[in-house]
N, C-alpha and C. Protein backbone atom coordinates (compact mmCIF):
# COMPACT_ATOMS: atom_id res chain seq x y z
N MET A 1 11.92 -4.93 -0.89
CA MET A 1 10.73 -5.75 -1.07
C MET A 1 10.00 -5.90 0.26
N PHE A 2 8.67 -6.02 0.17
CA PHE A 2 7.83 -6.11 1.36
C PHE A 2 6.89 -7.31 1.21
N THR A 3 6.17 -7.60 2.28
CA THR A 3 5.24 -8.73 2.26
C THR A 3 3.78 -8.30 2.33
N GLY A 4 3.53 -7.03 2.65
CA GLY A 4 2.15 -6.58 2.82
C GLY A 4 1.58 -6.92 4.18
N LEU A 5 2.43 -7.30 5.13
CA LEU A 5 1.99 -7.55 6.50
C LEU A 5 2.36 -6.33 7.34
N VAL A 6 1.37 -5.57 7.74
CA VAL A 6 1.59 -4.32 8.45
C VAL A 6 2.17 -4.59 9.83
N GLU A 7 3.27 -3.90 10.16
CA GLU A 7 3.91 -4.07 11.45
C GLU A 7 3.40 -3.08 12.49
N GLU A 8 3.04 -1.90 12.04
CA GLU A 8 2.68 -0.84 12.97
C GLU A 8 1.83 0.20 12.26
N VAL A 9 0.91 0.80 12.99
CA VAL A 9 0.18 1.97 12.49
C VAL A 9 0.84 3.20 13.12
N GLY A 10 1.43 4.03 12.27
CA GLY A 10 2.09 5.24 12.75
C GLY A 10 1.24 6.46 12.46
N SER A 11 1.75 7.63 12.81
CA SER A 11 1.02 8.87 12.55
C SER A 11 1.95 9.91 11.95
N VAL A 12 1.43 10.63 10.96
CA VAL A 12 2.20 11.68 10.30
C VAL A 12 2.33 12.87 11.25
N GLU A 13 3.56 13.35 11.42
CA GLU A 13 3.78 14.53 12.26
C GLU A 13 3.73 15.80 11.44
N LYS A 14 4.33 15.77 10.23
CA LYS A 14 4.28 16.95 9.37
C LYS A 14 4.71 16.60 7.97
N LEU A 15 4.32 17.46 7.02
CA LEU A 15 4.79 17.41 5.64
C LEU A 15 5.41 18.75 5.32
N GLU A 16 6.64 18.73 4.85
CA GLU A 16 7.36 19.95 4.52
C GLU A 16 7.56 20.02 3.02
N SER A 17 7.12 21.12 2.39
CA SER A 17 7.27 21.28 0.95
C SER A 17 8.72 21.49 0.58
N LEU A 18 9.15 20.75 -0.46
CA LEU A 18 10.50 20.90 -1.00
C LEU A 18 10.44 21.35 -2.46
N GLY A 19 9.36 22.02 -2.83
CA GLY A 19 9.18 22.46 -4.22
C GLY A 19 8.49 21.38 -5.02
N ASP A 20 9.28 20.52 -5.69
CA ASP A 20 8.69 19.46 -6.49
C ASP A 20 8.62 18.14 -5.71
N ALA A 21 8.78 18.23 -4.40
CA ALA A 21 8.71 17.05 -3.53
C ALA A 21 8.26 17.51 -2.14
N VAL A 22 8.06 16.55 -1.26
CA VAL A 22 7.77 16.88 0.14
C VAL A 22 8.63 16.00 1.03
N ARG A 23 8.92 16.47 2.22
CA ARG A 23 9.58 15.65 3.24
C ARG A 23 8.53 15.32 4.30
N ILE A 24 8.36 14.04 4.54
CA ILE A 24 7.35 13.58 5.48
C ILE A 24 8.02 13.09 6.75
N ALA A 25 7.43 13.40 7.88
CA ALA A 25 7.91 12.91 9.18
C ALA A 25 6.81 12.05 9.78
N VAL A 26 7.18 10.83 10.17
CA VAL A 26 6.20 9.87 10.69
C VAL A 26 6.66 9.37 12.04
N ARG A 27 5.75 9.43 13.03
CA ARG A 27 6.06 8.87 14.34
C ARG A 27 5.70 7.40 14.34
N ALA A 28 6.70 6.56 14.63
CA ALA A 28 6.51 5.12 14.56
C ALA A 28 7.59 4.43 15.40
N PRO A 29 7.36 4.25 16.68
CA PRO A 29 8.39 3.70 17.57
C PRO A 29 8.91 2.33 17.17
N LEU A 30 8.05 1.44 16.66
CA LEU A 30 8.49 0.10 16.33
C LEU A 30 9.41 0.08 15.11
N VAL A 31 8.94 0.63 13.99
CA VAL A 31 9.73 0.53 12.76
C VAL A 31 10.97 1.42 12.78
N THR A 32 11.03 2.38 13.71
CA THR A 32 12.23 3.20 13.82
C THR A 32 13.21 2.63 14.84
N SER A 33 12.83 1.55 15.54
CA SER A 33 13.68 1.01 16.60
C SER A 33 15.05 0.57 16.09
N ASP A 34 15.11 0.14 14.82
CA ASP A 34 16.40 -0.26 14.24
C ASP A 34 16.65 0.44 12.90
N ALA A 35 15.90 1.51 12.64
CA ALA A 35 16.01 2.21 11.35
C ALA A 35 17.24 3.10 11.31
N LYS A 36 17.82 3.17 10.12
CA LYS A 36 18.97 4.06 9.90
C LYS A 36 18.83 4.68 8.51
N PRO A 37 19.51 5.78 8.25
CA PRO A 37 19.42 6.42 6.93
C PRO A 37 19.73 5.43 5.81
N GLY A 38 18.87 5.46 4.78
CA GLY A 38 19.02 4.55 3.64
C GLY A 38 18.12 3.34 3.71
N ASP A 39 17.55 3.04 4.88
CA ASP A 39 16.63 1.92 4.99
C ASP A 39 15.32 2.22 4.28
N SER A 40 14.61 1.17 3.91
CA SER A 40 13.31 1.32 3.25
C SER A 40 12.18 1.01 4.21
N ILE A 41 11.17 1.86 4.22
CA ILE A 41 9.95 1.64 5.00
C ILE A 41 8.77 1.93 4.09
N ALA A 42 7.81 1.02 4.08
CA ALA A 42 6.60 1.23 3.29
C ALA A 42 5.60 2.00 4.13
N VAL A 43 5.13 3.12 3.57
CA VAL A 43 4.13 3.97 4.23
C VAL A 43 2.86 3.89 3.41
N ASP A 44 1.84 3.21 3.93
CA ASP A 44 0.61 2.95 3.16
C ASP A 44 0.95 2.33 1.80
N GLY A 45 1.96 1.48 1.81
CA GLY A 45 2.33 0.78 0.58
C GLY A 45 3.29 1.51 -0.32
N VAL A 46 3.74 2.69 0.08
CA VAL A 46 4.70 3.46 -0.70
C VAL A 46 6.09 3.25 -0.11
N CYS A 47 7.00 2.71 -0.89
CA CYS A 47 8.37 2.47 -0.42
C CYS A 47 9.11 3.80 -0.34
N LEU A 48 9.50 4.19 0.88
CA LEU A 48 10.23 5.43 1.10
C LEU A 48 11.58 5.14 1.74
N THR A 49 12.56 5.97 1.43
CA THR A 49 13.90 5.82 1.97
C THR A 49 14.09 6.73 3.17
N VAL A 50 14.52 6.16 4.26
CA VAL A 50 14.71 6.92 5.50
C VAL A 50 15.84 7.93 5.31
N VAL A 51 15.55 9.20 5.63
CA VAL A 51 16.56 10.26 5.61
C VAL A 51 17.18 10.39 7.00
N GLU A 52 16.31 10.43 8.00
CA GLU A 52 16.74 10.50 9.40
C GLU A 52 15.79 9.67 10.24
N ALA A 53 16.30 9.15 11.36
CA ALA A 53 15.47 8.42 12.31
C ALA A 53 15.99 8.68 13.71
N ALA A 54 15.12 9.21 14.56
CA ALA A 54 15.53 9.52 15.93
C ALA A 54 14.30 9.70 16.80
N GLU A 55 14.38 9.20 18.02
CA GLU A 55 13.34 9.40 19.03
C GLU A 55 11.96 8.98 18.52
N GLY A 56 11.93 7.84 17.82
CA GLY A 56 10.64 7.29 17.39
C GLY A 56 10.03 7.94 16.18
N VAL A 57 10.78 8.81 15.48
CA VAL A 57 10.28 9.50 14.29
C VAL A 57 11.28 9.29 13.15
N PHE A 58 10.76 9.00 11.95
CA PHE A 58 11.64 8.97 10.78
C PHE A 58 11.13 9.95 9.74
N THR A 59 12.06 10.46 8.93
CA THR A 59 11.70 11.36 7.85
C THR A 59 12.11 10.73 6.53
N ALA A 60 11.37 11.08 5.48
CA ALA A 60 11.65 10.58 4.14
C ALA A 60 11.20 11.61 3.13
N ASP A 61 11.86 11.61 1.96
CA ASP A 61 11.48 12.52 0.88
C ASP A 61 10.58 11.79 -0.11
N VAL A 62 9.55 12.50 -0.56
CA VAL A 62 8.57 11.92 -1.49
C VAL A 62 8.57 12.77 -2.76
N MET A 63 8.93 12.15 -3.90
CA MET A 63 9.03 12.91 -5.14
C MET A 63 7.66 13.09 -5.80
N ARG A 64 7.62 13.96 -6.79
CA ARG A 64 6.38 14.34 -7.46
C ARG A 64 5.65 13.15 -8.07
N GLU A 65 6.37 12.22 -8.70
CA GLU A 65 5.75 11.05 -9.29
C GLU A 65 4.96 10.26 -8.25
N THR A 66 5.54 10.10 -7.07
CA THR A 66 4.85 9.38 -6.00
C THR A 66 3.64 10.15 -5.51
N LEU A 67 3.77 11.45 -5.40
CA LEU A 67 2.63 12.28 -4.97
C LEU A 67 1.49 12.18 -5.97
N ASN A 68 1.82 12.11 -7.26
CA ASN A 68 0.78 12.02 -8.29
C ASN A 68 0.06 10.67 -8.26
N ARG A 69 0.78 9.61 -7.95
CA ARG A 69 0.21 8.27 -8.02
C ARG A 69 -0.45 7.79 -6.73
N SER A 70 -0.06 8.38 -5.61
CA SER A 70 -0.52 7.89 -4.31
C SER A 70 -1.32 8.95 -3.57
N ARG A 71 -1.73 8.56 -2.37
CA ARG A 71 -2.50 9.49 -1.53
C ARG A 71 -1.63 10.25 -0.54
N VAL A 72 -0.31 10.13 -0.65
CA VAL A 72 0.58 10.77 0.30
C VAL A 72 0.38 12.29 0.34
N GLY A 73 0.14 12.88 -0.82
CA GLY A 73 -0.03 14.33 -0.88
C GLY A 73 -1.23 14.85 -0.12
N SER A 74 -2.17 13.97 0.22
CA SER A 74 -3.37 14.39 0.96
C SER A 74 -3.20 14.27 2.47
N TYR A 75 -2.05 13.77 2.91
CA TYR A 75 -1.82 13.60 4.34
C TYR A 75 -1.73 14.95 5.04
N GLY A 76 -2.07 14.93 6.32
CA GLY A 76 -1.89 16.08 7.18
C GLY A 76 -1.39 15.59 8.52
N ALA A 77 -1.07 16.51 9.40
CA ALA A 77 -0.61 16.13 10.74
C ALA A 77 -1.69 15.27 11.41
N GLY A 78 -1.27 14.12 11.91
CA GLY A 78 -2.20 13.24 12.59
C GLY A 78 -2.74 12.10 11.74
N THR A 79 -2.52 12.16 10.42
CA THR A 79 -2.97 11.07 9.55
C THR A 79 -2.30 9.76 9.98
N ARG A 80 -3.11 8.72 10.16
CA ARG A 80 -2.58 7.42 10.55
C ARG A 80 -2.26 6.60 9.31
N VAL A 81 -1.12 5.92 9.35
CA VAL A 81 -0.63 5.21 8.16
C VAL A 81 -0.13 3.81 8.53
N ASN A 82 -0.29 2.88 7.58
CA ASN A 82 0.23 1.52 7.74
C ASN A 82 1.71 1.51 7.42
N LEU A 83 2.49 0.79 8.24
CA LEU A 83 3.94 0.79 8.09
C LEU A 83 4.49 -0.63 8.08
N GLU A 84 5.51 -0.84 7.25
CA GLU A 84 6.21 -2.11 7.22
C GLU A 84 7.66 -1.87 6.82
N ARG A 85 8.58 -2.49 7.56
CA ARG A 85 9.98 -2.45 7.19
C ARG A 85 10.24 -3.42 6.04
N ALA A 86 11.31 -3.20 5.30
CA ALA A 86 11.66 -4.09 4.19
C ALA A 86 11.89 -5.50 4.71
N LEU A 87 11.58 -6.48 3.86
CA LEU A 87 11.72 -7.89 4.22
C LEU A 87 13.18 -8.23 4.45
N ALA A 88 13.45 -8.86 5.58
CA ALA A 88 14.81 -9.30 5.89
C ALA A 88 15.09 -10.64 5.23
N ALA A 89 16.33 -10.84 4.79
CA ALA A 89 16.71 -12.12 4.18
C ALA A 89 16.46 -13.26 5.15
N GLY A 90 15.81 -14.32 4.66
CA GLY A 90 15.53 -15.47 5.49
C GLY A 90 14.22 -15.41 6.24
N ALA A 91 13.53 -14.27 6.17
CA ALA A 91 12.26 -14.13 6.88
C ALA A 91 11.14 -14.83 6.10
N ARG A 92 10.06 -15.18 6.79
CA ARG A 92 8.92 -15.81 6.14
C ARG A 92 8.17 -14.80 5.27
N LEU A 93 7.77 -15.23 4.09
CA LEU A 93 6.97 -14.39 3.21
C LEU A 93 5.51 -14.71 3.48
N GLY A 94 4.93 -14.05 4.47
CA GLY A 94 3.58 -14.39 4.91
C GLY A 94 2.48 -13.81 4.06
N GLY A 95 2.74 -12.72 3.35
CA GLY A 95 1.72 -12.13 2.49
C GLY A 95 1.99 -12.49 1.05
N HIS A 96 2.32 -11.49 0.21
CA HIS A 96 2.77 -11.75 -1.15
C HIS A 96 3.86 -10.73 -1.47
N ILE A 97 4.50 -10.88 -2.61
CA ILE A 97 5.59 -9.97 -2.97
C ILE A 97 5.02 -8.59 -3.27
N VAL A 98 5.40 -7.63 -2.43
CA VAL A 98 4.95 -6.24 -2.58
C VAL A 98 6.19 -5.38 -2.78
N GLN A 99 6.20 -4.61 -3.85
CA GLN A 99 7.38 -3.79 -4.16
C GLN A 99 7.38 -2.44 -3.47
N GLY A 100 6.21 -1.96 -3.10
CA GLY A 100 6.13 -0.61 -2.56
C GLY A 100 6.05 0.43 -3.66
N HIS A 101 5.66 -0.01 -4.87
CA HIS A 101 5.50 0.89 -6.02
C HIS A 101 4.01 0.98 -6.34
N VAL A 102 3.39 2.06 -5.92
CA VAL A 102 1.94 2.22 -6.07
C VAL A 102 1.58 2.37 -7.55
N ASP A 103 0.59 1.57 -7.98
CA ASP A 103 0.14 1.62 -9.38
C ASP A 103 -0.97 2.63 -9.60
N GLY A 104 -1.70 2.96 -8.56
CA GLY A 104 -2.80 3.91 -8.70
C GLY A 104 -3.62 3.97 -7.42
N ARG A 105 -4.74 4.67 -7.52
CA ARG A 105 -5.61 4.85 -6.36
C ARG A 105 -7.00 4.32 -6.66
N ALA A 106 -7.70 3.95 -5.59
CA ALA A 106 -9.09 3.49 -5.71
C ALA A 106 -9.92 4.16 -4.62
N GLU A 107 -11.22 4.19 -4.84
CA GLU A 107 -12.14 4.79 -3.88
C GLU A 107 -12.94 3.69 -3.20
N LEU A 108 -13.11 3.82 -1.89
CA LEU A 108 -13.96 2.89 -1.16
C LEU A 108 -15.42 3.19 -1.48
N ILE A 109 -16.09 2.22 -2.08
CA ILE A 109 -17.48 2.41 -2.50
C ILE A 109 -18.46 2.01 -1.40
N SER A 110 -18.16 0.91 -0.70
CA SER A 110 -19.09 0.46 0.34
C SER A 110 -18.38 -0.44 1.33
N ARG A 111 -18.97 -0.54 2.53
CA ARG A 111 -18.54 -1.49 3.55
C ARG A 111 -19.78 -2.27 3.99
N THR A 112 -19.68 -3.59 3.92
CA THR A 112 -20.82 -4.43 4.30
C THR A 112 -20.37 -5.40 5.39
N ALA A 113 -20.95 -5.25 6.58
CA ALA A 113 -20.54 -6.05 7.72
C ALA A 113 -21.32 -7.36 7.78
N SER A 114 -20.62 -8.41 8.22
CA SER A 114 -21.28 -9.68 8.54
C SER A 114 -20.81 -10.06 9.94
N GLU A 115 -21.14 -11.27 10.37
CA GLU A 115 -20.85 -11.63 11.76
C GLU A 115 -19.35 -11.72 12.04
N HIS A 116 -18.58 -12.25 11.09
CA HIS A 116 -17.18 -12.52 11.36
C HIS A 116 -16.20 -11.79 10.44
N TRP A 117 -16.68 -11.03 9.50
CA TRP A 117 -15.80 -10.27 8.62
C TRP A 117 -16.57 -9.10 8.03
N GLU A 118 -15.88 -8.28 7.26
CA GLU A 118 -16.51 -7.14 6.60
C GLU A 118 -16.03 -7.06 5.16
N VAL A 119 -16.95 -6.86 4.25
CA VAL A 119 -16.63 -6.79 2.83
C VAL A 119 -16.47 -5.33 2.41
N PHE A 120 -15.31 -5.02 1.85
CA PHE A 120 -15.02 -3.68 1.33
C PHE A 120 -15.07 -3.75 -0.19
N ARG A 121 -15.85 -2.87 -0.80
CA ARG A 121 -15.87 -2.76 -2.26
C ARG A 121 -15.17 -1.46 -2.67
N PHE A 122 -14.23 -1.61 -3.61
CA PHE A 122 -13.46 -0.47 -4.11
C PHE A 122 -13.68 -0.29 -5.60
N SER A 123 -13.52 0.94 -6.07
CA SER A 123 -13.52 1.18 -7.51
C SER A 123 -12.28 0.52 -8.10
N LEU A 124 -12.36 0.15 -9.37
CA LEU A 124 -11.25 -0.52 -10.05
C LEU A 124 -10.81 0.33 -11.24
N PRO A 125 -9.67 0.99 -11.15
CA PRO A 125 -9.19 1.82 -12.26
C PRO A 125 -9.07 0.99 -13.53
N PRO A 126 -9.59 1.47 -14.66
CA PRO A 126 -9.55 0.70 -15.92
C PRO A 126 -8.15 0.20 -16.29
N ALA A 127 -7.14 1.01 -16.04
CA ALA A 127 -5.77 0.63 -16.43
C ALA A 127 -5.24 -0.55 -15.62
N LEU A 128 -5.85 -0.83 -14.48
CA LEU A 128 -5.37 -1.91 -13.62
C LEU A 128 -6.28 -3.13 -13.63
N ALA A 129 -7.43 -3.01 -14.29
CA ALA A 129 -8.44 -4.07 -14.22
C ALA A 129 -7.92 -5.43 -14.68
N ARG A 130 -7.06 -5.46 -15.69
CA ARG A 130 -6.60 -6.74 -16.23
C ARG A 130 -5.69 -7.50 -15.27
N TYR A 131 -5.19 -6.82 -14.26
CA TYR A 131 -4.30 -7.47 -13.30
C TYR A 131 -5.03 -7.97 -12.04
N VAL A 132 -6.30 -7.67 -11.93
CA VAL A 132 -7.05 -8.01 -10.71
C VAL A 132 -7.98 -9.17 -11.00
N VAL A 133 -7.77 -10.28 -10.29
CA VAL A 133 -8.57 -11.49 -10.51
C VAL A 133 -9.07 -12.01 -9.18
N GLU A 134 -10.20 -12.70 -9.23
CA GLU A 134 -10.75 -13.29 -8.02
C GLU A 134 -9.76 -14.30 -7.43
N LYS A 135 -9.56 -14.22 -6.13
CA LYS A 135 -8.62 -15.03 -5.36
C LYS A 135 -7.16 -14.64 -5.60
N GLY A 136 -6.94 -13.59 -6.37
CA GLY A 136 -5.59 -13.08 -6.56
C GLY A 136 -5.21 -12.15 -5.43
N SER A 137 -3.95 -11.74 -5.42
CA SER A 137 -3.44 -10.84 -4.38
C SER A 137 -3.45 -9.40 -4.85
N ILE A 138 -3.67 -8.50 -3.90
CA ILE A 138 -3.58 -7.07 -4.16
C ILE A 138 -3.15 -6.39 -2.87
N ALA A 139 -2.38 -5.31 -2.99
CA ALA A 139 -1.97 -4.55 -1.81
C ALA A 139 -2.79 -3.26 -1.76
N ILE A 140 -3.47 -3.06 -0.65
CA ILE A 140 -4.27 -1.86 -0.43
C ILE A 140 -3.68 -1.13 0.77
N ASN A 141 -3.21 0.10 0.54
CA ASN A 141 -2.51 0.86 1.58
C ASN A 141 -1.44 0.00 2.25
N GLY A 142 -0.75 -0.79 1.42
CA GLY A 142 0.37 -1.57 1.92
C GLY A 142 0.02 -2.88 2.59
N THR A 143 -1.25 -3.25 2.57
CA THR A 143 -1.69 -4.49 3.21
C THR A 143 -1.97 -5.55 2.17
N SER A 144 -1.35 -6.72 2.31
CA SER A 144 -1.58 -7.83 1.38
C SER A 144 -2.96 -8.42 1.64
N LEU A 145 -3.82 -8.37 0.61
CA LEU A 145 -5.18 -8.87 0.74
C LEU A 145 -5.53 -9.75 -0.45
N THR A 146 -6.55 -10.59 -0.25
CA THR A 146 -7.03 -11.48 -1.31
C THR A 146 -8.31 -10.91 -1.91
N VAL A 147 -8.36 -10.83 -3.22
CA VAL A 147 -9.56 -10.35 -3.91
C VAL A 147 -10.65 -11.40 -3.79
N SER A 148 -11.80 -11.02 -3.24
CA SER A 148 -12.88 -11.98 -3.05
C SER A 148 -13.93 -11.93 -4.15
N ALA A 149 -13.99 -10.83 -4.88
CA ALA A 149 -14.93 -10.71 -6.01
C ALA A 149 -14.47 -9.57 -6.90
N VAL A 150 -14.80 -9.68 -8.20
CA VAL A 150 -14.42 -8.65 -9.17
C VAL A 150 -15.59 -8.38 -10.10
N GLY A 151 -15.84 -7.10 -10.36
CA GLY A 151 -16.84 -6.70 -11.34
C GLY A 151 -16.16 -5.92 -12.45
N GLU A 152 -16.95 -5.32 -13.31
CA GLU A 152 -16.39 -4.59 -14.45
C GLU A 152 -15.57 -3.39 -14.00
N ASP A 153 -16.04 -2.68 -12.97
CA ASP A 153 -15.34 -1.49 -12.52
C ASP A 153 -15.19 -1.44 -11.01
N TRP A 154 -15.20 -2.61 -10.37
CA TRP A 154 -15.03 -2.68 -8.92
C TRP A 154 -14.41 -4.02 -8.53
N PHE A 155 -13.89 -4.07 -7.31
CA PHE A 155 -13.44 -5.34 -6.74
C PHE A 155 -13.70 -5.30 -5.24
N GLU A 156 -13.72 -6.48 -4.64
CA GLU A 156 -14.00 -6.57 -3.21
C GLU A 156 -12.91 -7.37 -2.49
N VAL A 157 -12.71 -7.03 -1.23
CA VAL A 157 -11.87 -7.81 -0.33
C VAL A 157 -12.67 -8.02 0.96
N SER A 158 -12.43 -9.15 1.60
CA SER A 158 -13.12 -9.45 2.86
C SER A 158 -12.11 -9.41 3.99
N LEU A 159 -12.37 -8.55 4.98
CA LEU A 159 -11.40 -8.31 6.05
C LEU A 159 -11.87 -8.89 7.37
N ILE A 160 -10.98 -9.61 8.04
CA ILE A 160 -11.28 -10.18 9.34
C ILE A 160 -11.06 -9.12 10.43
N PRO A 161 -11.60 -9.33 11.62
CA PRO A 161 -11.45 -8.33 12.69
C PRO A 161 -10.00 -7.97 13.00
N THR A 162 -9.09 -8.94 12.94
CA THR A 162 -7.67 -8.64 13.23
C THR A 162 -7.13 -7.61 12.26
N THR A 163 -7.43 -7.77 10.98
CA THR A 163 -6.95 -6.81 9.97
C THR A 163 -7.57 -5.43 10.21
N LEU A 164 -8.85 -5.41 10.51
CA LEU A 164 -9.52 -4.13 10.76
C LEU A 164 -8.93 -3.42 11.98
N ARG A 165 -8.54 -4.21 12.96
CA ARG A 165 -8.03 -3.65 14.21
C ARG A 165 -6.57 -3.23 14.12
N GLU A 166 -5.75 -3.97 13.39
CA GLU A 166 -4.31 -3.75 13.41
C GLU A 166 -3.78 -2.97 12.22
N THR A 167 -4.67 -2.50 11.35
CA THR A 167 -4.31 -1.62 10.24
C THR A 167 -5.25 -0.42 10.27
N THR A 168 -5.08 0.47 9.31
CA THR A 168 -5.98 1.63 9.24
C THR A 168 -7.28 1.32 8.50
N HIS A 169 -7.44 0.10 7.99
CA HIS A 169 -8.63 -0.21 7.20
C HIS A 169 -9.93 -0.05 7.99
N GLY A 170 -9.87 -0.35 9.28
CA GLY A 170 -11.07 -0.20 10.09
C GLY A 170 -11.55 1.23 10.19
N GLU A 171 -10.67 2.18 9.90
CA GLU A 171 -11.00 3.61 10.00
C GLU A 171 -11.46 4.20 8.67
N LEU A 172 -11.36 3.41 7.58
CA LEU A 172 -11.71 3.95 6.26
C LEU A 172 -13.20 4.25 6.16
N ALA A 173 -13.51 5.39 5.58
CA ALA A 173 -14.89 5.79 5.36
C ALA A 173 -15.20 5.73 3.86
N VAL A 174 -16.45 5.45 3.54
CA VAL A 174 -16.87 5.43 2.14
C VAL A 174 -16.52 6.78 1.49
N GLY A 175 -15.94 6.70 0.31
CA GLY A 175 -15.52 7.90 -0.40
C GLY A 175 -14.03 8.21 -0.27
N GLU A 176 -13.37 7.59 0.70
CA GLU A 176 -11.93 7.80 0.85
C GLU A 176 -11.16 7.03 -0.22
N THR A 177 -9.96 7.51 -0.51
CA THR A 177 -9.12 6.85 -1.50
C THR A 177 -8.02 6.05 -0.82
N VAL A 178 -7.56 5.02 -1.51
CA VAL A 178 -6.49 4.16 -1.00
C VAL A 178 -5.45 3.96 -2.10
N ASN A 179 -4.24 3.56 -1.69
CA ASN A 179 -3.19 3.21 -2.63
C ASN A 179 -3.34 1.76 -3.06
N LEU A 180 -3.15 1.49 -4.35
CA LEU A 180 -3.22 0.14 -4.88
C LEU A 180 -1.88 -0.26 -5.49
N GLU A 181 -1.49 -1.50 -5.22
CA GLU A 181 -0.39 -2.11 -5.97
C GLU A 181 -0.85 -3.49 -6.39
N VAL A 182 -0.91 -3.72 -7.69
CA VAL A 182 -1.36 -5.02 -8.19
C VAL A 182 -0.20 -6.02 -8.09
N ASP A 183 -0.53 -7.28 -8.26
CA ASP A 183 0.46 -8.35 -8.14
C ASP A 183 1.49 -8.25 -9.25
N ILE A 184 2.76 -8.12 -8.89
CA ILE A 184 3.84 -7.97 -9.87
C ILE A 184 3.93 -9.20 -10.78
N VAL A 185 3.55 -10.38 -10.26
CA VAL A 185 3.60 -11.59 -11.07
C VAL A 185 2.70 -11.45 -12.30
N ALA A 186 1.52 -10.84 -12.12
CA ALA A 186 0.60 -10.65 -13.25
C ALA A 186 1.23 -9.78 -14.33
N LYS A 187 2.00 -8.78 -13.93
CA LYS A 187 2.65 -7.89 -14.90
C LYS A 187 3.71 -8.65 -15.71
N TYR A 188 4.48 -9.47 -15.01
CA TYR A 188 5.52 -10.23 -15.71
C TYR A 188 4.92 -11.25 -16.67
N VAL A 189 3.84 -11.90 -16.24
CA VAL A 189 3.17 -12.86 -17.11
C VAL A 189 2.67 -12.16 -18.37
N GLU A 190 2.05 -11.00 -18.20
CA GLU A 190 1.56 -10.24 -19.35
C GLU A 190 2.71 -9.90 -20.29
N LYS A 191 3.84 -9.48 -19.74
CA LYS A 191 5.00 -9.11 -20.56
C LYS A 191 5.53 -10.31 -21.34
N MET A 192 5.62 -11.45 -20.67
CA MET A 192 6.16 -12.64 -21.33
C MET A 192 5.22 -13.19 -22.39
N VAL A 193 3.93 -13.20 -22.08
CA VAL A 193 2.94 -13.67 -23.06
C VAL A 193 2.92 -12.75 -24.27
N GLY A 194 3.00 -11.46 -24.02
CA GLY A 194 3.05 -10.49 -25.11
C GLY A 194 4.25 -10.68 -26.00
N ALA A 195 5.38 -11.01 -25.40
CA ALA A 195 6.60 -11.24 -26.18
C ALA A 195 6.48 -12.46 -27.05
N ARG A 196 5.76 -13.48 -26.58
CA ARG A 196 5.58 -14.70 -27.40
C ARG A 196 4.63 -14.45 -28.56
N VAL A 197 3.57 -13.66 -28.28
CA VAL A 197 2.59 -13.39 -29.33
C VAL A 197 3.17 -12.48 -30.38
N ASN A 198 3.99 -11.50 -29.92
CA ASN A 198 4.61 -10.54 -30.84
C ASN A 198 6.12 -10.59 -30.68
N PRO A 199 6.76 -11.67 -31.13
CA PRO A 199 8.19 -11.86 -30.86
C PRO A 199 9.10 -10.82 -31.47
N HIS A 200 8.63 -10.08 -32.50
CA HIS A 200 9.49 -9.11 -33.17
C HIS A 200 9.20 -7.68 -32.73
N GLU A 201 8.28 -7.51 -31.76
CA GLU A 201 7.95 -6.16 -31.31
C GLU A 201 8.72 -5.82 -30.05
C-alpha cells in the first residue's frame, strides 16, 4: 500500500523485452537506499516488485496486463518517473490509500496557470467516471491529488508549485497520457450498495 506522496523522481535506464513482459531498470538513489528483492516500489503509480537493487538502480518485471493498462510500455531511456516506497507500519498516511493498481489512462487536455497554482484538465475515461467526484481523491502518476472540478468527460486538479517542482507533473505537456488510480473506497462502496440493492445476485 502507498500514500501517493512522491519520495523521489527517478529516471528509466532501460527496458528489456521478456516476450510477454518487460524488465525495467530505474535509477533512484533514495528509494533504493534500503531496497531489497521482494520490496514494492510504485513507479508512476504502478506497484512493482524489486528483482534486484544495487548502486542506486533497481530492476522490476512488468507483465502484459500492466503494460496494457498503464503508460509503462511507452517509457524509454531517460524517462523521468515518480517513485514511492511502500507505506511502513506506523507511518503517517499523508495522502490517501493508493494500491498501486492502475485503473486506466487519461490525457492531459490543458494547463491553466494562475498566480499561486496551476489547473490541469484531464480526459475522464467513461469506465472510471462514476468513481471521480469533486473534492474526492485520485492518484495521477502515483501522486495523491484532490479533484477540483468534474465534467461529463473531464476532470481537473489544481497543483501547487511544490507538487509541480517535486514530481514529474511540472514536465507534463498537453496531449501526454498519465496513469490513473481511482479511490478504492469508492469501489467498495459501489460493491456494498450493489449487494444491498441486488442481495441475490
